[in-house]
């Protein structure tokens, strides 16, 4: 039983479909439930049983409701993948307080609140798995995205701390650090940004959401309690600076 936050499109949608292909029942989530119609259809087409929950995970009561509705429908919560995120680009000196908070909340606060909401169910059933999606922005400079970089660094630290605290309950908590991903909404669909990024990648290409989904779920489904607190890089060997978008 797999919960994927932020799953209306892109990586989240690929995760939901891949989970269904692997035989899991799936809960998909977005702030607005109407945005989930397409991913629900995709999961069902892949043979999966699916529940769509509209919940804004920046708020604890809504994160709690997501976990409660999951367990009410399916009886348990085995895997939580925290994919909900958000980013806009701006030089640090131009960031407003609201702009800073909006990105930190979208990436870090949602991750914490979803983990906290899932914890009592995972504990009471004897364990489970959480995977938090992070970014190379947490590890390398990301000009014009200081708010995003700080939030993702927080996700990495949160992952390691929760893994330590919750290991006695049989709960594994890991993170996957992503580089550039070729999603529908990604700036890398612009030829200029894609070419600049691919020139920095050892393999010369940007990863697809389907590849990300397969790797993340491999990590979630591995059968060992000892793989916890890991921050795994899925970045194609990228070690450069993630440049801001090129001007139009």
C-alpha atoms as a PDB file:
ATOM      1  CA  UNK A   1       0.000   0.000   0.000  1.00  0.00           C
ATOM      2  CA  UNK A   2       1.765   3.137  -1.303  1.00  0.00           C
ATOM      3  CA  UNK A   3       0.975   6.812  -0.696  1.00  0.00           C
ATOM      4  CA  UNK A   4       2.491   9.311  -3.150  1.00  0.00           C
ATOM      5  CA  UNK A   5       2.188  12.995  -2.323  1.00  0.00           C
ATOM      6  CA  UNK A   6       2.185  15.600  -5.073  1.00  0.00           C
ATOM      7  CA  UNK A   7       1.132  13.006  -7.616  1.00  0.00           C
ATOM      8  CA  UNK A   8      -0.985  14.899 -10.153  1.00  0.00           C
ATOM      9  CA  UNK A   9       1.802  14.831 -12.733  1.00  0.00           C
ATOM     10  CA  UNK A  10       5.491  14.397 -13.430  1.00  0.00           C
ATOM     11  CA  UNK A  11       7.471  12.239 -11.006  1.00  0.00           C
ATOM     12  CA  UNK A  12       4.501  11.713  -8.691  1.00  0.00           C
ATOM     13  CA  UNK A  13       2.322  10.414 -11.478  1.00  0.00           C
ATOM     14  CA  UNK A  14       5.077   8.055 -12.632  1.00  0.00           C
ATOM     15  CA  UNK A  15       5.521   6.801  -9.059  1.00  0.00           C
ATOM     16  CA  UNK A  16       1.821   6.084  -8.669  1.00  0.00           C
ATOM     17  CA  UNK A  17       1.615   4.153 -11.933  1.00  0.00           C
ATOM     18  CA  UNK A  18       4.811   2.187 -11.242  1.00  0.00           C
ATOM     19  CA  UNK A  19       3.516   1.240  -7.799  1.00  0.00           C
ATOM     20  CA  UNK A  20       0.335  -0.085  -9.380  1.00  0.00           C
ATOM     21  CA  UNK A  21       2.330  -2.041 -11.971  1.00  0.00           C
ATOM     22  CA  UNK A  22       4.180  -3.683  -9.078  1.00  0.00           C
ATOM     23  CA  UNK A  23       0.893  -4.769  -7.533  1.00  0.00           C
ATOM     24  CA  UNK A  24       0.474  -2.114  -4.846  1.00  0.00           C
ATOM     25  CA  UNK A  25      -2.699  -0.321  -3.912  1.00  0.00           C
ATOM     26  CA  UNK A  26      -2.111   3.405  -4.321  1.00  0.00           C
ATOM     27  CA  UNK A  27      -3.175   6.692  -2.749  1.00  0.00           C
ATOM     28  CA  UNK A  28      -2.580   9.776  -4.894  1.00  0.00           C
ATOM     29  CA  UNK A  29      -2.605  13.300  -3.547  1.00  0.00           C
ATOM     30  CA  UNK A  30      -2.726  16.906  -4.658  1.00  0.00           C
ATOM     31  CA  UNK A  31      -3.960  20.118  -3.089  1.00  0.00           C
ATOM     32  CA  UNK A  32      -7.023  19.960  -5.358  1.00  0.00           C
ATOM     33  CA  UNK A  33      -8.610  16.571  -5.888  1.00  0.00           C
ATOM     34  CA  UNK A  34      -9.863  17.474  -9.370  1.00  0.00           C
ATOM     35  CA  UNK A  35      -6.256  17.579 -10.587  1.00  0.00           C
ATOM     36  CA  UNK A  36      -5.947  13.845  -9.885  1.00  0.00           C
ATOM     37  CA  UNK A  37      -8.426  12.557 -12.469  1.00  0.00           C
ATOM     38  CA  UNK A  38      -5.784  11.692 -15.062  1.00  0.00           C
ATOM     39  CA  UNK A  39      -3.449   9.896 -12.680  1.00  0.00           C
ATOM     40  CA  UNK A  40      -6.366   7.933 -11.221  1.00  0.00           C
ATOM     41  CA  UNK A  41      -7.219   6.769 -14.742  1.00  0.00           C
ATOM     42  CA  UNK A  42      -3.578   5.837 -15.381  1.00  0.00           C
ATOM     43  CA  UNK A  43      -3.306   3.829 -12.156  1.00  0.00           C
ATOM     44  CA  UNK A  44      -6.543   1.988 -12.892  1.00  0.00           C
ATOM     45  CA  UNK A  45      -5.363   1.280 -16.433  1.00  0.00           C
ATOM     46  CA  UNK A  46      -2.243  -0.278 -14.905  1.00  0.00           C
ATOM     47  CA  UNK A  47      -4.469  -2.582 -12.866  1.00  0.00           C
ATOM     48  CA  UNK A  48      -4.179  -0.740  -9.573  1.00  0.00           C
ATOM     49  CA  UNK A  49      -6.743   0.083  -6.917  1.00  0.00           C
ATOM     50  CA  UNK A  50      -6.490   3.793  -6.181  1.00  0.00           C
ATOM     51  CA  UNK A  51      -7.785   6.432  -3.781  1.00  0.00           C
ATOM     52  CA  UNK A  52      -7.489  10.149  -4.592  1.00  0.00           C
ATOM     53  CA  UNK A  53      -7.193  12.548  -1.655  1.00  0.00           C
ATOM     54  CA  UNK A  54      -7.180  16.298  -2.018  1.00  0.00           C
ATOM     55  CA  UNK A  55      -5.106  17.667   0.856  1.00  0.00           C
ATOM     56  CA  UNK A  56      -2.797  20.657   1.275  1.00  0.00           C
ATOM     57  CA  UNK A  57       0.108  19.108   3.163  1.00  0.00           C
ATOM     58  CA  UNK A  58       1.416  22.471   4.301  1.00  0.00           C
ATOM     59  CA  UNK A  59      -1.195  22.137   7.047  1.00  0.00           C
ATOM     60  CA  UNK A  60      -0.979  19.466   9.728  1.00  0.00           C
ATOM     61  CA  UNK A  61      -4.693  18.737   9.915  1.00  0.00           C
ATOM     62  CA  UNK A  62      -4.816  17.973   6.197  1.00  0.00           C
ATOM     63  CA  UNK A  63      -1.725  15.772   6.360  1.00  0.00           C
ATOM     64  CA  UNK A  64      -3.398  13.911   9.230  1.00  0.00           C
ATOM     65  CA  UNK A  65      -6.517  13.486   7.105  1.00  0.00           C
ATOM     66  CA  UNK A  66      -4.511  12.028   4.213  1.00  0.00           C
ATOM     67  CA  UNK A  67      -3.049   9.363   6.499  1.00  0.00           C
ATOM     68  CA  UNK A  68      -6.391   8.661   8.175  1.00  0.00           C
ATOM     69  CA  UNK A  69      -8.272   8.281   4.879  1.00  0.00           C
ATOM     70  CA  UNK A  70      -5.556   5.960   3.598  1.00  0.00           C
ATOM     71  CA  UNK A  71      -5.869   3.631   6.576  1.00  0.00           C
ATOM     72  CA  UNK A  72      -9.666   3.863   6.578  1.00  0.00           C
ATOM     73  CA  UNK A  73      -9.769   2.718   2.935  1.00  0.00           C
ATOM     74  CA  UNK A  74      -6.943   0.184   2.853  1.00  0.00           C
ATOM     75  CA  UNK A  75      -6.461  -0.827   6.478  1.00  0.00           C
ATOM     76  CA  UNK A  76      -2.772   0.107   6.595  1.00  0.00           C
ATOM     77  CA  UNK A  77      -0.068   2.395   5.218  1.00  0.00           C
ATOM     78  CA  UNK A  78       3.084   0.598   4.099  1.00  0.00           C
ATOM     79  CA  UNK A  79       5.025   3.110   2.009  1.00  0.00           C
ATOM     80  CA  UNK A  80       4.958   6.929   2.000  1.00  0.00           C
ATOM     81  CA  UNK A  81       6.770   8.748  -0.805  1.00  0.00           C
ATOM     82  CA  UNK A  82       7.062  12.476  -0.152  1.00  0.00           C
ATOM     83  CA  UNK A  83       7.161  14.010  -3.602  1.00  0.00           C
ATOM     84  CA  UNK A  84       5.203  17.246  -3.026  1.00  0.00           C
ATOM     85  CA  UNK A  85       7.411  20.201  -3.938  1.00  0.00           C
ATOM     86  CA  UNK A  86       7.519  23.655  -5.457  1.00  0.00           C
ATOM     87  CA  UNK A  87      10.076  26.088  -6.869  1.00  0.00           C
ATOM     88  CA  UNK A  88      10.367  29.478  -8.511  1.00  0.00           C
ATOM     89  CA  UNK A  89      13.637  31.206  -9.347  1.00  0.00           C
ATOM     90  CA  UNK A  90      14.820  34.512  -7.892  1.00  0.00           C
ATOM     91  CA  UNK A  91      18.147  35.951  -6.740  1.00  0.00           C
ATOM     92  CA  UNK A  92      18.429  35.726  -2.955  1.00  0.00           C
ATOM     93  CA  UNK A  93      18.446  39.494  -2.510  1.00  0.00           C
ATOM     94  CA  UNK A  94      15.106  39.720  -4.308  1.00  0.00           C
ATOM     95  CA  UNK A  95      13.330  36.990  -2.340  1.00  0.00           C
ATOM     96  CA  UNK A  96      10.443  38.213  -0.226  1.00  0.00           C
ATOM     97  CA  UNK A  97       9.571  36.651   3.114  1.00  0.00           C
ATOM     98  CA  UNK A  98       6.444  35.168   1.557  1.00  0.00           C
ATOM     99  CA  UNK A  99       8.452  33.769  -1.345  1.00  0.00           C
ATOM    100  CA  UNK A 100      10.942  32.157   1.019  1.00  0.00           C
ATOM    101  CA  UNK A 101       8.241  30.647   3.210  1.00  0.00           C
ATOM    102  CA  UNK A 102       6.183  29.385   0.285  1.00  0.00           C
ATOM    103  CA  UNK A 103       9.034  27.276  -1.095  1.00  0.00           C
ATOM    104  CA  UNK A 104      10.242  26.062   2.308  1.00  0.00           C
ATOM    105  CA  UNK A 105       6.668  25.073   3.168  1.00  0.00           C
ATOM    106  CA  UNK A 106       6.096  23.354  -0.184  1.00  0.00           C
ATOM    107  CA  UNK A 107       9.229  21.226   0.132  1.00  0.00           C
ATOM    108  CA  UNK A 108      10.212  20.827   3.786  1.00  0.00           C
ATOM    109  CA  UNK A 109       7.077  21.486   5.829  1.00  0.00           C
ATOM    110  CA  UNK A 110       4.973  19.154   3.679  1.00  0.00           C
ATOM    111  CA  UNK A 111       7.565  16.410   4.097  1.00  0.00           C
ATOM    112  CA  UNK A 112       7.690  16.765   7.878  1.00  0.00           C
ATOM    113  CA  UNK A 113       3.922  16.937   8.331  1.00  0.00           C
ATOM    114  CA  UNK A 114       3.283  13.924   6.086  1.00  0.00           C
ATOM    115  CA  UNK A 115       5.917  11.903   7.963  1.00  0.00           C
ATOM    116  CA  UNK A 116       4.473  12.919  11.313  1.00  0.00           C
ATOM    117  CA  UNK A 117       0.954  12.000  10.182  1.00  0.00           C
ATOM    118  CA  UNK A 118       2.057   8.573   8.966  1.00  0.00           C
ATOM    119  CA  UNK A 119       4.111   7.737  12.046  1.00  0.00           C
ATOM    120  CA  UNK A 120       1.415   6.402  14.426  1.00  0.00           C
ATOM    121  CA  UNK A 121       0.034   4.045  11.783  1.00  0.00           C
ATOM    122  CA  UNK A 122       3.479   2.771  10.810  1.00  0.00           C
ATOM    123  CA  UNK A 123       4.421   2.329  14.463  1.00  0.00           C
ATOM    124  CA  UNK A 124       1.233   0.516  15.407  1.00  0.00           C
ATOM    125  CA  UNK A 125       1.452  -1.934  12.499  1.00  0.00           C
ATOM    126  CA  UNK A 126       5.080  -2.760  13.279  1.00  0.00           C
ATOM    127  CA  UNK A 127       6.913  -0.743  10.643  1.00  0.00           C
ATOM    128  CA  UNK A 128       6.951   0.600   7.113  1.00  0.00           C
ATOM    129  CA  UNK A 129       8.946   2.760   4.754  1.00  0.00           C
ATOM    130  CA  UNK A 130       9.220   6.480   4.048  1.00  0.00           C
ATOM    131  CA  UNK A 131      11.125   7.898   1.087  1.00  0.00           C
ATOM    132  CA  UNK A 132      11.647  11.662   0.842  1.00  0.00           C
ATOM    133  CA  UNK A 133      12.542  13.118  -2.545  1.00  0.00           C
ATOM    134  CA  UNK A 134      15.337  15.653  -2.355  1.00  0.00           C
ATOM    135  CA  UNK A 135      17.564  17.487  -4.826  1.00  0.00           C
ATOM    136  CA  UNK A 136      21.193  18.050  -5.734  1.00  0.00           C
ATOM    137  CA  UNK A 137      20.397  21.654  -4.759  1.00  0.00           C
ATOM    138  CA  UNK A 138      20.879  20.442  -1.175  1.00  0.00           C
ATOM    139  CA  UNK A 139      24.463  19.416  -1.940  1.00  0.00           C
ATOM    140  CA  UNK A 140      25.685  21.888  -4.568  1.00  0.00           C
ATOM    141  CA  UNK A 141      25.131  25.600  -5.209  1.00  0.00           C
ATOM    142  CA  UNK A 142      21.846  26.362  -6.955  1.00  0.00           C
ATOM    143  CA  UNK A 143      21.913  30.044  -7.965  1.00  0.00           C
ATOM    144  CA  UNK A 144      18.545  31.834  -7.812  1.00  0.00           C
ATOM    145  CA  UNK A 145      17.112  28.979  -5.735  1.00  0.00           C
ATOM    146  CA  UNK A 146      18.501  29.579  -2.242  1.00  0.00           C
ATOM    147  CA  UNK A 147      15.073  28.929  -0.690  1.00  0.00           C
ATOM    148  CA  UNK A 148      14.739  25.601  -2.512  1.00  0.00           C
ATOM    149  CA  UNK A 149      18.320  24.547  -1.729  1.00  0.00           C
ATOM    150  CA  UNK A 150      17.842  25.282   1.976  1.00  0.00           C
ATOM    151  CA  UNK A 151      14.538  23.389   2.044  1.00  0.00           C
ATOM    152  CA  UNK A 152      16.006  20.310   0.361  1.00  0.00           C
ATOM    153  CA  UNK A 153      19.019  20.365   2.688  1.00  0.00           C
ATOM    154  CA  UNK A 154      16.451  20.329   5.464  1.00  0.00           C
ATOM    155  CA  UNK A 155      14.781  17.302   3.889  1.00  0.00           C
ATOM    156  CA  UNK A 156      18.098  15.426   3.935  1.00  0.00           C
ATOM    157  CA  UNK A 157      18.708  16.283   7.588  1.00  0.00           C
ATOM    158  CA  UNK A 158      15.132  15.454   8.544  1.00  0.00           C
ATOM    159  CA  UNK A 159      15.479  12.082   6.825  1.00  0.00           C
ATOM    160  CA  UNK A 160      18.568  11.141   8.818  1.00  0.00           C
ATOM    161  CA  UNK A 161      17.055  12.265  12.113  1.00  0.00           C
ATOM    162  CA  UNK A 162      13.741  10.471  11.624  1.00  0.00           C
ATOM    163  CA  UNK A 163      15.577   7.324  10.553  1.00  0.00           C
ATOM    164  CA  UNK A 164      17.472   7.366  13.857  1.00  0.00           C
ATOM    165  CA  UNK A 165      14.423   8.140  16.007  1.00  0.00           C
ATOM    166  CA  UNK A 166      12.056   5.696  14.327  1.00  0.00           C
ATOM    167  CA  UNK A 167      14.310   2.698  13.683  1.00  0.00           C
ATOM    168  CA  UNK A 168      13.216   1.065  16.975  1.00  0.00           C
ATOM    169  CA  UNK A 169       9.671   1.011  15.573  1.00  0.00           C
ATOM    170  CA  UNK A 170      10.703  -0.784  12.369  1.00  0.00           C
ATOM    171  CA  UNK A 171      10.266   2.349  10.239  1.00  0.00           C
ATOM    172  CA  UNK A 172      12.844   2.939   7.514  1.00  0.00           C
ATOM    173  CA  UNK A 173      13.345   6.534   6.351  1.00  0.00           C
ATOM    174  CA  UNK A 174      15.509   7.304   3.311  1.00  0.00           C
ATOM    175  CA  UNK A 175      15.911  10.108   0.802  1.00  0.00           C
ATOM    176  CA  UNK A 176      16.619  10.128  -2.925  1.00  0.00           C
ATOM    177  CA  UNK A 177      18.548  13.137  -4.188  1.00  0.00           C
ATOM    178  CA  UNK A 178      17.516  13.985  -7.736  1.00  0.00           C
ATOM    179  CA  UNK A 179      19.297  15.975 -10.377  1.00  0.00           C
ATOM    180  CA  UNK A 180      17.561  17.284 -13.483  1.00  0.00           C
ATOM    181  CA  UNK A 181      14.403  15.354 -14.405  1.00  0.00           C
ATOM    182  CA  UNK A 182      12.569  15.656 -17.721  1.00  0.00           C
ATOM    183  CA  UNK A 183       8.994  16.248 -16.523  1.00  0.00           C
ATOM    184  CA  UNK A 184       6.177  17.919 -18.426  1.00  0.00           C
ATOM    185  CA  UNK A 185       6.537  21.119 -16.416  1.00  0.00           C
ATOM    186  CA  UNK A 186      10.331  21.090 -16.304  1.00  0.00           C
ATOM    187  CA  UNK A 187      12.352  23.925 -17.793  1.00  0.00           C
ATOM    188  CA  UNK A 188      14.451  21.236 -19.462  1.00  0.00           C
ATOM    189  CA  UNK A 189      11.815  20.903 -22.166  1.00  0.00           C
ATOM    190  CA  UNK A 190      13.231  24.189 -23.458  1.00  0.00           C
ATOM    191  CA  UNK A 191      15.967  23.311 -25.927  1.00  0.00           C
ATOM    192  CA  UNK A 192      18.463  25.832 -24.513  1.00  0.00           C
ATOM    193  CA  UNK A 193      18.117  24.657 -20.892  1.00  0.00           C
ATOM    194  CA  UNK A 194      18.146  20.991 -21.878  1.00  0.00           C
ATOM    195  CA  UNK A 195      21.305  21.387 -23.961  1.00  0.00           C
ATOM    196  CA  UNK A 196      23.145  23.240 -21.188  1.00  0.00           C
ATOM    197  CA  UNK A 197      22.197  20.606 -18.611  1.00  0.00           C
ATOM    198  CA  UNK A 198      22.990  17.604 -20.781  1.00  0.00           C
ATOM    199  CA  UNK A 199      26.414  19.069 -21.551  1.00  0.00           C
ATOM    200  CA  UNK A 200      27.227  18.767 -17.817  1.00  0.00           C
ATOM    201  CA  UNK A 201      25.991  15.192 -17.429  1.00  0.00           C
ATOM    202  CA  UNK A 202      28.509  12.359 -17.868  1.00  0.00           C
ATOM    203  CA  UNK A 203      25.912  10.273 -19.699  1.00  0.00           C
ATOM    204  CA  UNK A 204      24.748  13.207 -21.818  1.00  0.00           C
ATOM    205  CA  UNK A 205      21.038  12.860 -21.049  1.00  0.00           C
ATOM    206  CA  UNK A 206      18.452  13.887 -18.457  1.00  0.00           C
ATOM    207  CA  UNK A 207      16.611  11.194 -16.509  1.00  0.00           C
ATOM    208  CA  UNK A 208      12.907  10.514 -17.140  1.00  0.00           C
ATOM    209  CA  UNK A 209      10.179  10.337 -14.464  1.00  0.00           C
ATOM    210  CA  UNK A 210       9.693   6.622 -15.192  1.00  0.00           C
ATOM    211  CA  UNK A 211      13.350   5.906 -14.405  1.00  0.00           C
ATOM    212  CA  UNK A 212      13.099   7.912 -11.185  1.00  0.00           C
ATOM    213  CA  UNK A 213       9.961   6.028 -10.161  1.00  0.00           C
ATOM    214  CA  UNK A 214      11.586   2.644 -10.708  1.00  0.00           C
ATOM    215  CA  UNK A 215      14.650   3.569  -8.641  1.00  0.00           C
ATOM    216  CA  UNK A 216      12.650   5.112  -5.791  1.00  0.00           C
ATOM    217  CA  UNK A 217      10.339   2.120  -5.492  1.00  0.00           C
ATOM    218  CA  UNK A 218      13.275  -0.281  -5.627  1.00  0.00           C
ATOM    219  CA  UNK A 219      14.604   1.507  -2.546  1.00  0.00           C
ATOM    220  CA  UNK A 220      11.202   1.418  -0.852  1.00  0.00           C
ATOM    221  CA  UNK A 221      10.541  -2.267  -1.495  1.00  0.00           C
ATOM    222  CA  UNK A 222      13.974  -3.659  -0.594  1.00  0.00           C
ATOM    223  CA  UNK A 223      13.591  -6.163   2.216  1.00  0.00           C
ATOM    224  CA  UNK A 224      16.131  -5.148   4.830  1.00  0.00           C
ATOM    225  CA  UNK A 225      15.575  -3.130   7.970  1.00  0.00           C
ATOM    226  CA  UNK A 226      19.218  -2.050   7.861  1.00  0.00           C
ATOM    227  CA  UNK A 227      18.835   0.262   4.855  1.00  0.00           C
ATOM    228  CA  UNK A 228      17.673   3.398   6.640  1.00  0.00           C
ATOM    229  CA  UNK A 229      18.964   6.935   7.029  1.00  0.00           C
ATOM    230  CA  UNK A 230      20.456   6.794   3.535  1.00  0.00           C
ATOM    231  CA  UNK A 231      20.613   9.824   1.258  1.00  0.00           C
ATOM    232  CA  UNK A 232      20.944   8.216  -2.170  1.00  0.00           C
ATOM    233  CA  UNK A 233      22.019  10.258  -5.188  1.00  0.00           C
ATOM    234  CA  UNK A 234      20.141   9.664  -8.433  1.00  0.00           C
ATOM    235  CA  UNK A 235      21.798  12.355 -10.505  1.00  0.00           C
ATOM    236  CA  UNK A 236      23.667  10.609 -13.319  1.00  0.00           C
ATOM    237  CA  UNK A 237      27.012  11.515 -11.764  1.00  0.00           C
ATOM    238  CA  UNK A 238      26.312  15.263 -11.907  1.00  0.00           C
ATOM    239  CA  UNK A 239      28.785  17.248  -9.800  1.00  0.00           C
ATOM    240  CA  UNK A 240      28.419  20.731 -11.249  1.00  0.00           C
ATOM    241  CA  UNK A 241      26.368  23.796 -10.384  1.00  0.00           C
ATOM    242  CA  UNK A 242      22.660  23.614 -11.250  1.00  0.00           C
ATOM    243  CA  UNK A 243      22.355  26.860 -13.191  1.00  0.00           C
ATOM    244  CA  UNK A 244      19.150  28.938 -13.177  1.00  0.00           C
ATOM    245  CA  UNK A 245      16.998  28.942 -16.322  1.00  0.00           C
ATOM    246  CA  UNK A 246      18.319  30.750 -19.343  1.00  0.00           C
ATOM    247  CA  UNK A 247      16.496  33.935 -20.254  1.00  0.00           C
ATOM    248  CA  UNK A 248      13.783  33.525 -22.914  1.00  0.00           C
END
